[in-house]
Amino acid sequence: MLSFFAKSGIEILPSFFNSDNRDIDVKKGFALNEVIQLPNQMSKPAAVCVMASGDMGLKAKEAKADEVLDNENVNKLAEDKRASRKLINKYDFFLADTKLMPVVGKSLGQLLGPRGKMPTPVPFNAPIESFLSRFKTSIRVRVKNSLSISCKIGDSEMDEHQVAANAMAVINNLKGKLPNGDKNIRKYMIKTTMGKAVKLDHKVK
């Protein structure tokens, strides 16, 4: 374990070039909103709320979803904006039965959308357990009109190999989403939550 990171999270901070020949321009609305599954789960998994009724709702509870909301609960939230905001801030990810998506969009879409947290649709008879397992080991990488981001990739319960594998998962995903891949990335920094950032070696191929 990384004892010298005790009680700290470990973050990676990629930053990007902003020039015409590298295809990233914040003035034109550069944005990313990616869900990245990490190969190694942190001690505190992502918090996931499931919006589903019937069999899917029961299976979500059995699979230990952090919270399960049925149709009635979702409609009630539409009448209480304060409770809606509290719920949205509480969870990292939302999953929803495809049958409930129209209700979710109407009731909570105006709050979930701007935060980049619209639910991932779960088709009828799809294994909700697999969806939960995947999202509990995932992080959201979100940036809008900025040339840098920060995302948590580890904690003090993990060894350096696990943290490195998680960092590579983020790096590889970003390279696949940027216009010129690795060439758009200026540098990577890594830091503990309360510590100083350290630059990682980064060679553009």
N, C-alpha and C. Protein backbone atom coordinates (compact mmCIF):
# COMPACT_ATOMS: atom_id res chain seq x y z
N MET A 1 0.84 -1.20 0.00
CA MET A 1 0.00 0.00 0.00
C MET A 1 0.87 1.25 0.00
N LEU A 2 0.30 2.37 -0.46
CA LEU A 2 1.05 3.61 -0.52
C LEU A 2 0.91 4.35 0.81
N SER A 3 1.67 3.90 1.82
CA SER A 3 1.53 4.45 3.15
C SER A 3 1.86 5.93 3.21
N PHE A 4 2.73 6.41 2.30
CA PHE A 4 3.10 7.81 2.32
C PHE A 4 2.00 8.70 1.76
N PHE A 5 0.93 8.08 1.19
CA PHE A 5 -0.23 8.82 0.75
C PHE A 5 -1.39 8.66 1.73
N ALA A 6 -1.08 8.33 2.98
CA ALA A 6 -2.12 8.01 3.95
C ALA A 6 -3.21 9.07 3.98
N LYS A 7 -4.44 8.59 3.97
CA LYS A 7 -5.63 9.43 4.05
C LYS A 7 -5.73 10.41 2.88
N SER A 8 -5.04 10.14 1.79
CA SER A 8 -5.10 11.02 0.62
C SER A 8 -5.62 10.28 -0.60
N GLY A 9 -6.25 11.03 -1.48
CA GLY A 9 -6.56 10.49 -2.78
C GLY A 9 -5.41 10.81 -3.71
N ILE A 10 -5.33 10.10 -4.83
CA ILE A 10 -4.27 10.33 -5.81
C ILE A 10 -4.94 10.75 -7.11
N GLU A 11 -4.51 11.87 -7.66
CA GLU A 11 -5.16 12.44 -8.83
C GLU A 11 -4.18 12.56 -9.99
N ILE A 12 -4.71 12.45 -11.20
CA ILE A 12 -3.93 12.74 -12.40
C ILE A 12 -4.51 14.00 -13.03
N LEU A 13 -3.61 14.86 -13.52
CA LEU A 13 -4.02 16.16 -14.05
C LEU A 13 -3.44 16.35 -15.46
N PRO A 14 -4.14 15.90 -16.49
CA PRO A 14 -3.67 16.15 -17.86
C PRO A 14 -3.97 17.61 -18.25
N SER A 15 -3.09 18.19 -19.07
CA SER A 15 -3.37 19.50 -19.64
C SER A 15 -3.10 19.44 -21.14
N PHE A 16 -3.77 20.32 -21.90
CA PHE A 16 -3.77 20.23 -23.35
C PHE A 16 -3.17 21.46 -24.00
N PHE A 17 -2.69 21.27 -25.24
CA PHE A 17 -2.22 22.40 -26.04
C PHE A 17 -3.41 23.18 -26.57
N ASN A 18 -3.23 24.47 -26.73
CA ASN A 18 -4.28 25.30 -27.31
C ASN A 18 -3.68 26.10 -28.47
N SER A 19 -3.62 25.47 -29.63
CA SER A 19 -3.09 26.17 -30.82
C SER A 19 -3.78 25.61 -32.05
N ASP A 20 -3.81 26.40 -33.10
CA ASP A 20 -4.56 26.03 -34.30
C ASP A 20 -4.12 24.69 -34.88
N ASN A 21 -2.81 24.43 -34.83
CA ASN A 21 -2.34 23.21 -35.47
C ASN A 21 -2.52 21.96 -34.60
N ARG A 22 -3.11 22.14 -33.41
CA ARG A 22 -3.34 20.98 -32.56
C ARG A 22 -4.83 20.75 -32.30
N ASP A 23 -5.69 21.50 -32.95
CA ASP A 23 -7.12 21.22 -33.04
C ASP A 23 -7.92 21.36 -31.74
N ILE A 24 -7.39 22.03 -30.74
CA ILE A 24 -8.16 22.26 -29.52
C ILE A 24 -8.26 23.77 -29.31
N ASP A 25 -9.49 24.27 -29.25
CA ASP A 25 -9.70 25.70 -29.07
C ASP A 25 -10.84 25.89 -28.08
N VAL A 26 -10.54 26.37 -26.89
CA VAL A 26 -11.57 26.53 -25.87
C VAL A 26 -12.62 27.56 -26.29
N LYS A 27 -12.22 28.49 -27.16
CA LYS A 27 -13.17 29.51 -27.61
C LYS A 27 -14.27 28.91 -28.48
N LYS A 28 -13.98 27.73 -29.04
CA LYS A 28 -14.98 27.05 -29.89
C LYS A 28 -15.75 25.99 -29.13
N GLY A 29 -15.60 25.99 -27.80
CA GLY A 29 -16.41 25.09 -26.99
C GLY A 29 -15.83 23.71 -26.78
N PHE A 30 -14.50 23.61 -26.66
CA PHE A 30 -13.88 22.31 -26.40
C PHE A 30 -14.47 21.69 -25.13
N ALA A 31 -14.88 20.43 -25.20
CA ALA A 31 -15.49 19.76 -24.04
C ALA A 31 -15.28 18.25 -24.12
N LEU A 32 -15.19 17.65 -22.95
CA LEU A 32 -15.13 16.20 -22.82
C LEU A 32 -16.03 15.79 -21.67
N ASN A 33 -16.73 14.68 -21.84
CA ASN A 33 -17.53 14.12 -20.74
C ASN A 33 -17.48 12.60 -20.90
N GLU A 34 -16.44 12.00 -20.33
CA GLU A 34 -16.18 10.59 -20.52
C GLU A 34 -16.33 9.79 -19.23
N VAL A 35 -16.92 8.61 -19.35
CA VAL A 35 -16.96 7.66 -18.23
C VAL A 35 -15.89 6.61 -18.50
N ILE A 36 -14.94 6.51 -17.60
CA ILE A 36 -13.80 5.62 -17.78
C ILE A 36 -13.78 4.56 -16.68
N GLN A 37 -13.85 3.30 -17.09
CA GLN A 37 -13.76 2.23 -16.10
C GLN A 37 -12.30 1.99 -15.75
N LEU A 38 -11.99 2.00 -14.47
CA LEU A 38 -10.63 1.78 -14.01
C LEU A 38 -10.38 0.30 -13.76
N PRO A 39 -9.20 -0.22 -14.07
CA PRO A 39 -8.91 -1.64 -13.85
C PRO A 39 -8.83 -2.02 -12.38
N ASN A 40 -8.55 -1.02 -11.52
CA ASN A 40 -8.42 -1.28 -10.09
C ASN A 40 -9.36 -0.37 -9.29
N GLN A 41 -10.24 -0.99 -8.52
CA GLN A 41 -11.23 -0.22 -7.76
C GLN A 41 -10.59 0.44 -6.55
N MET A 42 -11.00 1.67 -6.30
CA MET A 42 -10.54 2.37 -5.11
C MET A 42 -11.31 1.88 -3.89
N SER A 43 -10.82 2.22 -2.70
CA SER A 43 -11.45 1.72 -1.47
C SER A 43 -12.89 2.21 -1.32
N LYS A 44 -13.17 3.39 -1.89
CA LYS A 44 -14.53 3.91 -1.89
C LYS A 44 -15.04 3.92 -3.33
N PRO A 45 -15.89 2.95 -3.68
CA PRO A 45 -16.38 2.90 -5.07
C PRO A 45 -17.28 4.08 -5.39
N ALA A 46 -17.50 4.29 -6.68
CA ALA A 46 -18.39 5.37 -7.11
C ALA A 46 -19.80 5.11 -6.60
N ALA A 47 -20.51 6.18 -6.29
CA ALA A 47 -21.88 6.08 -5.81
C ALA A 47 -22.83 6.07 -7.01
N VAL A 48 -23.69 5.04 -7.06
CA VAL A 48 -24.57 4.85 -8.22
C VAL A 48 -26.03 4.78 -7.78
N CYS A 49 -26.86 5.60 -8.41
CA CYS A 49 -28.30 5.58 -8.16
C CYS A 49 -28.99 4.97 -9.37
N VAL A 50 -29.92 4.05 -9.11
CA VAL A 50 -30.65 3.38 -10.18
C VAL A 50 -32.11 3.83 -10.15
N MET A 51 -32.62 4.19 -11.31
CA MET A 51 -34.02 4.57 -11.45
C MET A 51 -34.73 3.46 -12.20
N ALA A 52 -35.47 2.65 -11.46
CA ALA A 52 -36.12 1.48 -12.07
C ALA A 52 -37.21 0.97 -11.15
N SER A 53 -38.21 0.35 -11.75
CA SER A 53 -39.30 -0.27 -10.99
C SER A 53 -39.31 -1.77 -11.26
N GLY A 54 -40.19 -2.48 -10.59
CA GLY A 54 -40.39 -3.91 -10.86
C GLY A 54 -39.16 -4.75 -10.65
N ASP A 55 -38.97 -5.71 -11.56
CA ASP A 55 -37.89 -6.69 -11.43
C ASP A 55 -36.51 -6.03 -11.45
N MET A 56 -36.33 -5.04 -12.34
CA MET A 56 -35.03 -4.38 -12.41
C MET A 56 -34.73 -3.64 -11.11
N GLY A 57 -35.74 -3.01 -10.55
CA GLY A 57 -35.55 -2.30 -9.30
C GLY A 57 -35.17 -3.24 -8.17
N LEU A 58 -35.81 -4.41 -8.11
CA LEU A 58 -35.49 -5.41 -7.08
C LEU A 58 -34.07 -5.93 -7.25
N LYS A 59 -33.69 -6.22 -8.49
CA LYS A 59 -32.35 -6.74 -8.75
C LYS A 59 -31.28 -5.68 -8.43
N ALA A 60 -31.61 -4.41 -8.67
CA ALA A 60 -30.66 -3.34 -8.35
C ALA A 60 -30.44 -3.26 -6.85
N LYS A 61 -31.50 -3.45 -6.08
CA LYS A 61 -31.37 -3.44 -4.61
C LYS A 61 -30.53 -4.63 -4.14
N GLU A 62 -30.78 -5.79 -4.74
CA GLU A 62 -30.03 -6.99 -4.38
C GLU A 62 -28.55 -6.84 -4.74
N ALA A 63 -28.28 -6.10 -5.80
CA ALA A 63 -26.89 -5.88 -6.23
C ALA A 63 -26.24 -4.72 -5.49
N LYS A 64 -26.95 -4.21 -4.48
CA LYS A 64 -26.42 -3.16 -3.59
C LYS A 64 -26.18 -1.83 -4.30
N ALA A 65 -27.16 -1.44 -5.11
CA ALA A 65 -27.13 -0.07 -5.65
C ALA A 65 -27.23 0.88 -4.45
N ASP A 66 -26.60 2.02 -4.54
CA ASP A 66 -26.61 2.96 -3.41
C ASP A 66 -28.00 3.49 -3.12
N GLU A 67 -28.81 3.60 -4.16
CA GLU A 67 -30.21 4.00 -4.00
C GLU A 67 -30.98 3.58 -5.23
N VAL A 68 -32.24 3.18 -5.01
CA VAL A 68 -33.10 2.79 -6.12
C VAL A 68 -34.37 3.63 -6.04
N LEU A 69 -34.69 4.32 -7.13
CA LEU A 69 -35.88 5.17 -7.19
C LEU A 69 -36.84 4.61 -8.23
N ASP A 70 -38.09 4.45 -7.83
CA ASP A 70 -39.10 3.98 -8.79
C ASP A 70 -39.77 5.18 -9.45
N ASN A 71 -40.74 4.91 -10.29
CA ASN A 71 -41.45 5.95 -11.04
C ASN A 71 -42.02 7.01 -10.13
N GLU A 72 -42.65 6.58 -9.03
CA GLU A 72 -43.28 7.51 -8.10
C GLU A 72 -42.25 8.42 -7.44
N ASN A 73 -41.12 7.85 -7.04
CA ASN A 73 -40.06 8.65 -6.41
C ASN A 73 -39.52 9.71 -7.37
N VAL A 74 -39.33 9.32 -8.63
CA VAL A 74 -38.80 10.26 -9.63
C VAL A 74 -39.77 11.42 -9.85
N ASN A 75 -41.05 11.11 -9.92
CA ASN A 75 -42.06 12.16 -10.11
C ASN A 75 -42.11 13.10 -8.90
N LYS A 76 -41.91 12.57 -7.71
CA LYS A 76 -41.91 13.41 -6.50
C LYS A 76 -40.74 14.38 -6.51
N LEU A 77 -39.62 13.91 -7.02
CA LEU A 77 -38.43 14.78 -7.08
C LEU A 77 -38.67 15.99 -7.98
N ALA A 78 -39.48 15.79 -9.01
CA ALA A 78 -39.76 16.90 -9.94
C ALA A 78 -40.43 18.06 -9.22
N GLU A 79 -41.10 17.77 -8.11
CA GLU A 79 -41.82 18.80 -7.36
C GLU A 79 -40.97 19.43 -6.26
N ASP A 80 -39.77 18.92 -6.08
CA ASP A 80 -38.90 19.42 -5.01
C ASP A 80 -37.49 19.65 -5.56
N LYS A 81 -37.24 20.84 -6.07
CA LYS A 81 -35.96 21.14 -6.71
C LYS A 81 -34.79 21.02 -5.73
N ARG A 82 -35.01 21.37 -4.48
CA ARG A 82 -33.94 21.29 -3.50
C ARG A 82 -33.52 19.84 -3.26
N ALA A 83 -34.51 18.96 -3.13
CA ALA A 83 -34.22 17.54 -2.94
C ALA A 83 -33.58 16.96 -4.20
N SER A 84 -33.99 17.45 -5.37
CA SER A 84 -33.43 16.97 -6.63
C SER A 84 -31.95 17.33 -6.72
N ARG A 85 -31.61 18.56 -6.39
CA ARG A 85 -30.21 18.99 -6.45
C ARG A 85 -29.36 18.20 -5.45
N LYS A 86 -29.91 17.96 -4.28
CA LYS A 86 -29.19 17.20 -3.26
C LYS A 86 -28.90 15.79 -3.75
N LEU A 87 -29.90 15.17 -4.38
CA LEU A 87 -29.74 13.81 -4.91
C LEU A 87 -28.68 13.79 -6.01
N ILE A 88 -28.74 14.75 -6.92
CA ILE A 88 -27.81 14.78 -8.05
C ILE A 88 -26.37 14.98 -7.58
N ASN A 89 -26.19 15.81 -6.58
CA ASN A 89 -24.84 16.04 -6.06
C ASN A 89 -24.32 14.84 -5.27
N LYS A 90 -25.22 14.03 -4.76
CA LYS A 90 -24.84 12.89 -3.91
C LYS A 90 -24.23 11.74 -4.70
N TYR A 91 -24.68 11.55 -5.94
CA TYR A 91 -24.27 10.38 -6.71
C TYR A 91 -23.37 10.73 -7.89
N ASP A 92 -22.43 9.82 -8.15
CA ASP A 92 -21.51 10.00 -9.27
C ASP A 92 -22.16 9.63 -10.59
N PHE A 93 -22.99 8.57 -10.56
CA PHE A 93 -23.61 8.07 -11.79
C PHE A 93 -25.07 7.70 -11.54
N PHE A 94 -25.83 7.80 -12.62
CA PHE A 94 -27.24 7.40 -12.60
C PHE A 94 -27.49 6.40 -13.72
N LEU A 95 -28.24 5.35 -13.39
CA LEU A 95 -28.68 4.37 -14.37
C LEU A 95 -30.20 4.38 -14.36
N ALA A 96 -30.82 4.15 -15.51
CA ALA A 96 -32.28 4.19 -15.56
C ALA A 96 -32.82 3.15 -16.53
N ASP A 97 -33.87 2.47 -16.11
CA ASP A 97 -34.61 1.58 -16.99
C ASP A 97 -35.06 2.40 -18.20
N THR A 98 -34.89 1.85 -19.38
CA THR A 98 -35.27 2.59 -20.59
C THR A 98 -36.73 3.04 -20.55
N LYS A 99 -37.58 2.27 -19.87
CA LYS A 99 -39.00 2.63 -19.78
C LYS A 99 -39.21 3.89 -18.94
N LEU A 100 -38.25 4.19 -18.06
CA LEU A 100 -38.37 5.36 -17.20
C LEU A 100 -37.66 6.60 -17.76
N MET A 101 -36.88 6.41 -18.81
CA MET A 101 -36.09 7.53 -19.34
C MET A 101 -36.95 8.75 -19.71
N PRO A 102 -38.12 8.59 -20.34
CA PRO A 102 -38.94 9.78 -20.64
C PRO A 102 -39.36 10.53 -19.38
N VAL A 103 -39.68 9.79 -18.33
CA VAL A 103 -40.07 10.40 -17.05
C VAL A 103 -38.89 11.12 -16.42
N VAL A 104 -37.74 10.46 -16.46
CA VAL A 104 -36.52 11.06 -15.90
C VAL A 104 -36.15 12.34 -16.65
N GLY A 105 -36.22 12.27 -17.97
CA GLY A 105 -35.90 13.45 -18.77
C GLY A 105 -36.81 14.62 -18.47
N LYS A 106 -38.09 14.34 -18.34
CA LYS A 106 -39.07 15.40 -18.07
C LYS A 106 -38.92 15.95 -16.66
N SER A 107 -38.67 15.06 -15.69
CA SER A 107 -38.64 15.47 -14.29
C SER A 107 -37.31 16.06 -13.85
N LEU A 108 -36.21 15.47 -14.34
CA LEU A 108 -34.90 15.85 -13.82
C LEU A 108 -33.90 16.27 -14.89
N GLY A 109 -34.30 16.19 -16.14
CA GLY A 109 -33.37 16.47 -17.24
C GLY A 109 -32.72 17.83 -17.17
N GLN A 110 -33.47 18.86 -16.74
CA GLN A 110 -32.91 20.22 -16.70
C GLN A 110 -31.82 20.35 -15.64
N LEU A 111 -31.82 19.47 -14.64
CA LEU A 111 -30.81 19.51 -13.60
C LEU A 111 -29.67 18.54 -13.89
N LEU A 112 -30.01 17.36 -14.41
CA LEU A 112 -28.98 16.35 -14.69
C LEU A 112 -28.13 16.72 -15.91
N GLY A 113 -28.77 17.24 -16.94
CA GLY A 113 -28.08 17.54 -18.19
C GLY A 113 -26.89 18.48 -18.04
N PRO A 114 -27.08 19.67 -17.46
CA PRO A 114 -25.96 20.61 -17.33
C PRO A 114 -24.80 20.08 -16.49
N ARG A 115 -25.08 19.13 -15.62
CA ARG A 115 -24.03 18.54 -14.78
C ARG A 115 -23.37 17.33 -15.44
N GLY A 116 -23.81 17.01 -16.65
CA GLY A 116 -23.25 15.87 -17.36
C GLY A 116 -23.58 14.55 -16.71
N LYS A 117 -24.73 14.47 -16.03
CA LYS A 117 -25.08 13.27 -15.28
C LYS A 117 -26.37 12.60 -15.75
N MET A 118 -26.75 12.83 -17.00
CA MET A 118 -27.95 12.14 -17.49
C MET A 118 -27.75 10.63 -17.34
N PRO A 119 -28.80 9.91 -16.94
CA PRO A 119 -28.66 8.47 -16.68
C PRO A 119 -28.27 7.68 -17.93
N THR A 120 -27.53 6.63 -17.70
CA THR A 120 -27.24 5.66 -18.76
C THR A 120 -28.44 4.73 -18.86
N PRO A 121 -29.05 4.60 -20.04
CA PRO A 121 -30.22 3.72 -20.18
C PRO A 121 -29.84 2.25 -20.02
N VAL A 122 -30.67 1.51 -19.30
CA VAL A 122 -30.47 0.07 -19.12
C VAL A 122 -31.64 -0.64 -19.81
N PRO A 123 -31.38 -1.38 -20.89
CA PRO A 123 -32.45 -2.04 -21.63
C PRO A 123 -33.19 -3.10 -20.81
N PHE A 124 -34.39 -3.39 -21.23
CA PHE A 124 -35.20 -4.42 -20.59
C PHE A 124 -34.45 -5.76 -20.61
N ASN A 125 -34.43 -6.43 -19.47
CA ASN A 125 -33.77 -7.74 -19.29
C ASN A 125 -32.25 -7.68 -19.32
N ALA A 126 -31.68 -6.46 -19.40
CA ALA A 126 -30.21 -6.34 -19.33
C ALA A 126 -29.77 -6.62 -17.89
N PRO A 127 -28.58 -7.18 -17.70
CA PRO A 127 -28.10 -7.50 -16.36
C PRO A 127 -27.70 -6.24 -15.58
N ILE A 128 -28.60 -5.72 -14.77
CA ILE A 128 -28.33 -4.50 -14.02
C ILE A 128 -27.13 -4.68 -13.11
N GLU A 129 -26.87 -5.94 -12.67
CA GLU A 129 -25.72 -6.21 -11.81
C GLU A 129 -24.41 -5.86 -12.52
N SER A 130 -24.34 -6.18 -13.82
CA SER A 130 -23.13 -5.89 -14.59
C SER A 130 -22.95 -4.38 -14.77
N PHE A 131 -24.05 -3.68 -15.01
CA PHE A 131 -23.98 -2.23 -15.13
C PHE A 131 -23.47 -1.61 -13.83
N LEU A 132 -24.00 -2.07 -12.71
CA LEU A 132 -23.58 -1.53 -11.42
C LEU A 132 -22.10 -1.81 -11.16
N SER A 133 -21.68 -3.02 -11.46
CA SER A 133 -20.28 -3.40 -11.24
C SER A 133 -19.35 -2.50 -12.06
N ARG A 134 -19.74 -2.23 -13.29
CA ARG A 134 -18.90 -1.40 -14.17
C ARG A 134 -18.84 0.04 -13.68
N PHE A 135 -19.98 0.60 -13.31
CA PHE A 135 -19.99 2.01 -12.94
C PHE A 135 -19.39 2.25 -11.56
N LYS A 136 -19.46 1.27 -10.68
CA LYS A 136 -18.85 1.44 -9.36
C LYS A 136 -17.33 1.50 -9.43
N THR A 137 -16.78 0.99 -10.53
CA THR A 137 -15.32 1.04 -10.71
C THR A 137 -14.94 2.09 -11.76
N SER A 138 -15.82 3.03 -12.02
CA SER A 138 -15.58 4.04 -13.05
C SER A 138 -15.44 5.44 -12.46
N ILE A 139 -14.86 6.32 -13.24
CA ILE A 139 -14.80 7.74 -12.90
C ILE A 139 -15.33 8.54 -14.07
N ARG A 140 -15.73 9.76 -13.80
CA ARG A 140 -16.16 10.66 -14.86
C ARG A 140 -15.07 11.70 -15.10
N VAL A 141 -14.66 11.83 -16.34
CA VAL A 141 -13.68 12.85 -16.72
C VAL A 141 -14.44 13.91 -17.53
N ARG A 142 -14.58 15.08 -16.93
CA ARG A 142 -15.41 16.11 -17.55
C ARG A 142 -14.67 17.44 -17.59
N VAL A 143 -14.64 18.05 -18.75
CA VAL A 143 -14.02 19.36 -18.90
C VAL A 143 -14.79 20.14 -19.95
N LYS A 144 -14.94 21.44 -19.72
CA LYS A 144 -15.63 22.30 -20.68
C LYS A 144 -14.94 23.66 -20.70
N ASN A 145 -14.50 24.04 -21.87
CA ASN A 145 -13.84 25.34 -22.06
C ASN A 145 -12.64 25.52 -21.14
N SER A 146 -11.87 24.45 -20.98
CA SER A 146 -10.68 24.50 -20.15
C SER A 146 -9.59 23.65 -20.80
N LEU A 147 -8.34 23.94 -20.47
CA LEU A 147 -7.23 23.18 -21.04
C LEU A 147 -6.62 22.22 -20.03
N SER A 148 -7.29 22.01 -18.91
CA SER A 148 -6.78 21.05 -17.93
C SER A 148 -7.93 20.40 -17.19
N ILE A 149 -7.68 19.20 -16.67
CA ILE A 149 -8.68 18.48 -15.91
C ILE A 149 -8.00 17.81 -14.72
N SER A 150 -8.81 17.35 -13.78
CA SER A 150 -8.29 16.61 -12.64
C SER A 150 -9.25 15.48 -12.33
N CYS A 151 -8.73 14.28 -12.13
CA CYS A 151 -9.60 13.17 -11.78
C CYS A 151 -8.87 12.21 -10.83
N LYS A 152 -9.61 11.64 -9.91
CA LYS A 152 -9.04 10.75 -8.91
C LYS A 152 -8.82 9.37 -9.51
N ILE A 153 -7.63 8.82 -9.30
CA ILE A 153 -7.30 7.50 -9.86
C ILE A 153 -6.83 6.50 -8.81
N GLY A 154 -6.76 6.92 -7.54
CA GLY A 154 -6.28 5.98 -6.53
C GLY A 154 -6.37 6.54 -5.13
N ASP A 155 -5.98 5.70 -4.16
CA ASP A 155 -5.95 6.13 -2.76
C ASP A 155 -4.88 5.35 -2.01
N SER A 156 -4.81 5.57 -0.72
CA SER A 156 -3.72 5.01 0.08
C SER A 156 -3.80 3.50 0.26
N GLU A 157 -4.93 2.89 -0.12
CA GLU A 157 -5.07 1.44 0.00
C GLU A 157 -4.50 0.70 -1.20
N MET A 158 -4.05 1.43 -2.20
CA MET A 158 -3.58 0.82 -3.43
C MET A 158 -2.07 0.88 -3.54
N ASP A 159 -1.48 -0.08 -4.28
CA ASP A 159 -0.03 -0.02 -4.50
C ASP A 159 0.25 0.76 -5.79
N GLU A 160 1.55 1.03 -6.03
CA GLU A 160 1.91 1.88 -7.16
C GLU A 160 1.54 1.27 -8.50
N HIS A 161 1.53 -0.06 -8.60
CA HIS A 161 1.18 -0.71 -9.86
C HIS A 161 -0.31 -0.52 -10.18
N GLN A 162 -1.14 -0.59 -9.15
CA GLN A 162 -2.57 -0.37 -9.35
C GLN A 162 -2.86 1.07 -9.75
N VAL A 163 -2.19 2.01 -9.09
CA VAL A 163 -2.38 3.42 -9.43
C VAL A 163 -1.90 3.69 -10.86
N ALA A 164 -0.75 3.12 -11.22
CA ALA A 164 -0.21 3.31 -12.57
C ALA A 164 -1.16 2.75 -13.63
N ALA A 165 -1.75 1.59 -13.36
CA ALA A 165 -2.70 0.99 -14.31
C ALA A 165 -3.92 1.88 -14.49
N ASN A 166 -4.40 2.46 -13.39
CA ASN A 166 -5.55 3.37 -13.48
C ASN A 166 -5.19 4.64 -14.25
N ALA A 167 -3.98 5.14 -14.01
CA ALA A 167 -3.53 6.33 -14.75
C ALA A 167 -3.48 6.05 -16.24
N MET A 168 -2.97 4.89 -16.63
CA MET A 168 -2.88 4.54 -18.05
C MET A 168 -4.26 4.39 -18.67
N ALA A 169 -5.24 3.92 -17.89
CA ALA A 169 -6.60 3.80 -18.41
C ALA A 169 -7.15 5.18 -18.78
N VAL A 170 -6.87 6.17 -17.94
CA VAL A 170 -7.31 7.54 -18.22
C VAL A 170 -6.56 8.11 -19.42
N ILE A 171 -5.25 7.94 -19.42
CA ILE A 171 -4.42 8.47 -20.51
C ILE A 171 -4.83 7.89 -21.86
N ASN A 172 -5.01 6.58 -21.92
CA ASN A 172 -5.37 5.92 -23.19
C ASN A 172 -6.75 6.36 -23.67
N ASN A 173 -7.67 6.54 -22.73
CA ASN A 173 -9.01 7.01 -23.12
C ASN A 173 -8.93 8.42 -23.70
N LEU A 174 -8.18 9.30 -23.04
CA LEU A 174 -8.07 10.68 -23.52
C LEU A 174 -7.43 10.73 -24.90
N LYS A 175 -6.39 9.96 -25.09
CA LYS A 175 -5.71 9.96 -26.39
C LYS A 175 -6.66 9.52 -27.50
N GLY A 176 -7.60 8.63 -27.16
CA GLY A 176 -8.55 8.16 -28.16
C GLY A 176 -9.66 9.15 -28.46
N LYS A 177 -9.85 10.13 -27.58
CA LYS A 177 -10.94 11.09 -27.76
C LYS A 177 -10.49 12.44 -28.31
N LEU A 178 -9.20 12.74 -28.18
CA LEU A 178 -8.70 14.03 -28.67
C LEU A 178 -8.46 14.00 -30.17
N PRO A 179 -8.61 15.13 -30.86
CA PRO A 179 -8.48 15.17 -32.33
C PRO A 179 -7.16 14.60 -32.85
N ASN A 180 -6.06 14.95 -32.19
CA ASN A 180 -4.74 14.46 -32.61
C ASN A 180 -4.10 13.58 -31.55
N GLY A 181 -4.95 12.98 -30.73
CA GLY A 181 -4.46 12.02 -29.75
C GLY A 181 -3.38 12.57 -28.84
N ASP A 182 -2.27 11.84 -28.75
CA ASP A 182 -1.17 12.19 -27.85
C ASP A 182 -0.58 13.57 -28.15
N LYS A 183 -0.66 14.00 -29.40
CA LYS A 183 -0.08 15.29 -29.79
C LYS A 183 -0.83 16.47 -29.19
N ASN A 184 -2.08 16.25 -28.77
CA ASN A 184 -2.85 17.32 -28.15
C ASN A 184 -2.54 17.49 -26.67
N ILE A 185 -1.81 16.53 -26.10
CA ILE A 185 -1.56 16.56 -24.66
C ILE A 185 -0.23 17.26 -24.37
N ARG A 186 -0.29 18.30 -23.57
CA ARG A 186 0.90 19.10 -23.24
C ARG A 186 1.72 18.42 -22.15
N LYS A 187 1.05 17.97 -21.08
CA LYS A 187 1.76 17.31 -19.99
C LYS A 187 0.77 16.59 -19.09
N TYR A 188 1.29 15.68 -18.26
CA TYR A 188 0.52 15.01 -17.21
C TYR A 188 1.18 15.33 -15.87
N MET A 189 0.35 15.61 -14.89
CA MET A 189 0.85 15.79 -13.53
C MET A 189 0.12 14.77 -12.64
N ILE A 190 0.76 14.38 -11.56
CA ILE A 190 0.12 13.49 -10.60
C ILE A 190 0.34 14.08 -9.21
N LYS A 191 -0.66 13.97 -8.34
CA LYS A 191 -0.56 14.57 -7.02
C LYS A 191 -1.48 13.86 -6.03
N THR A 192 -1.18 14.03 -4.75
CA THR A 192 -2.13 13.62 -3.72
C THR A 192 -3.13 14.76 -3.55
N THR A 193 -4.25 14.48 -2.91
CA THR A 193 -5.30 15.48 -2.78
C THR A 193 -4.79 16.79 -2.18
N MET A 194 -3.94 16.69 -1.16
CA MET A 194 -3.45 17.89 -0.49
C MET A 194 -1.97 18.17 -0.80
N GLY A 195 -1.39 17.42 -1.73
CA GLY A 195 0.04 17.56 -2.00
C GLY A 195 0.35 18.36 -3.25
N LYS A 196 1.64 18.48 -3.51
CA LYS A 196 2.10 19.19 -4.70
C LYS A 196 2.09 18.27 -5.92
N ALA A 197 1.85 18.85 -7.08
CA ALA A 197 1.82 18.07 -8.31
C ALA A 197 3.22 17.77 -8.81
N VAL A 198 3.40 16.57 -9.35
CA VAL A 198 4.68 16.14 -9.91
C VAL A 198 4.46 15.82 -11.37
N LYS A 199 5.32 16.34 -12.24
CA LYS A 199 5.17 16.11 -13.68
C LYS A 199 5.64 14.70 -14.05
N LEU A 200 4.84 14.02 -14.90
CA LEU A 200 5.19 12.72 -15.40
C LEU A 200 5.91 12.85 -16.74
N ASP A 201 6.80 11.89 -17.03
CA ASP A 201 7.45 11.89 -18.33
C ASP A 201 6.39 11.70 -19.41
N HIS A 202 6.46 12.52 -20.44
CA HIS A 202 5.47 12.45 -21.53
C HIS A 202 6.17 12.73 -22.84
N LYS A 203 6.26 11.73 -23.68
CA LYS A 203 6.90 11.87 -24.97
C LYS A 203 5.87 11.68 -26.07
N VAL A 204 5.73 12.66 -26.93
CA VAL A 204 4.79 12.58 -28.04
C VAL A 204 5.39 11.76 -29.15
N LYS A 205 4.66 10.75 -29.58
CA LYS A 205 5.16 9.89 -30.66
C LYS A 205 4.76 10.44 -32.02
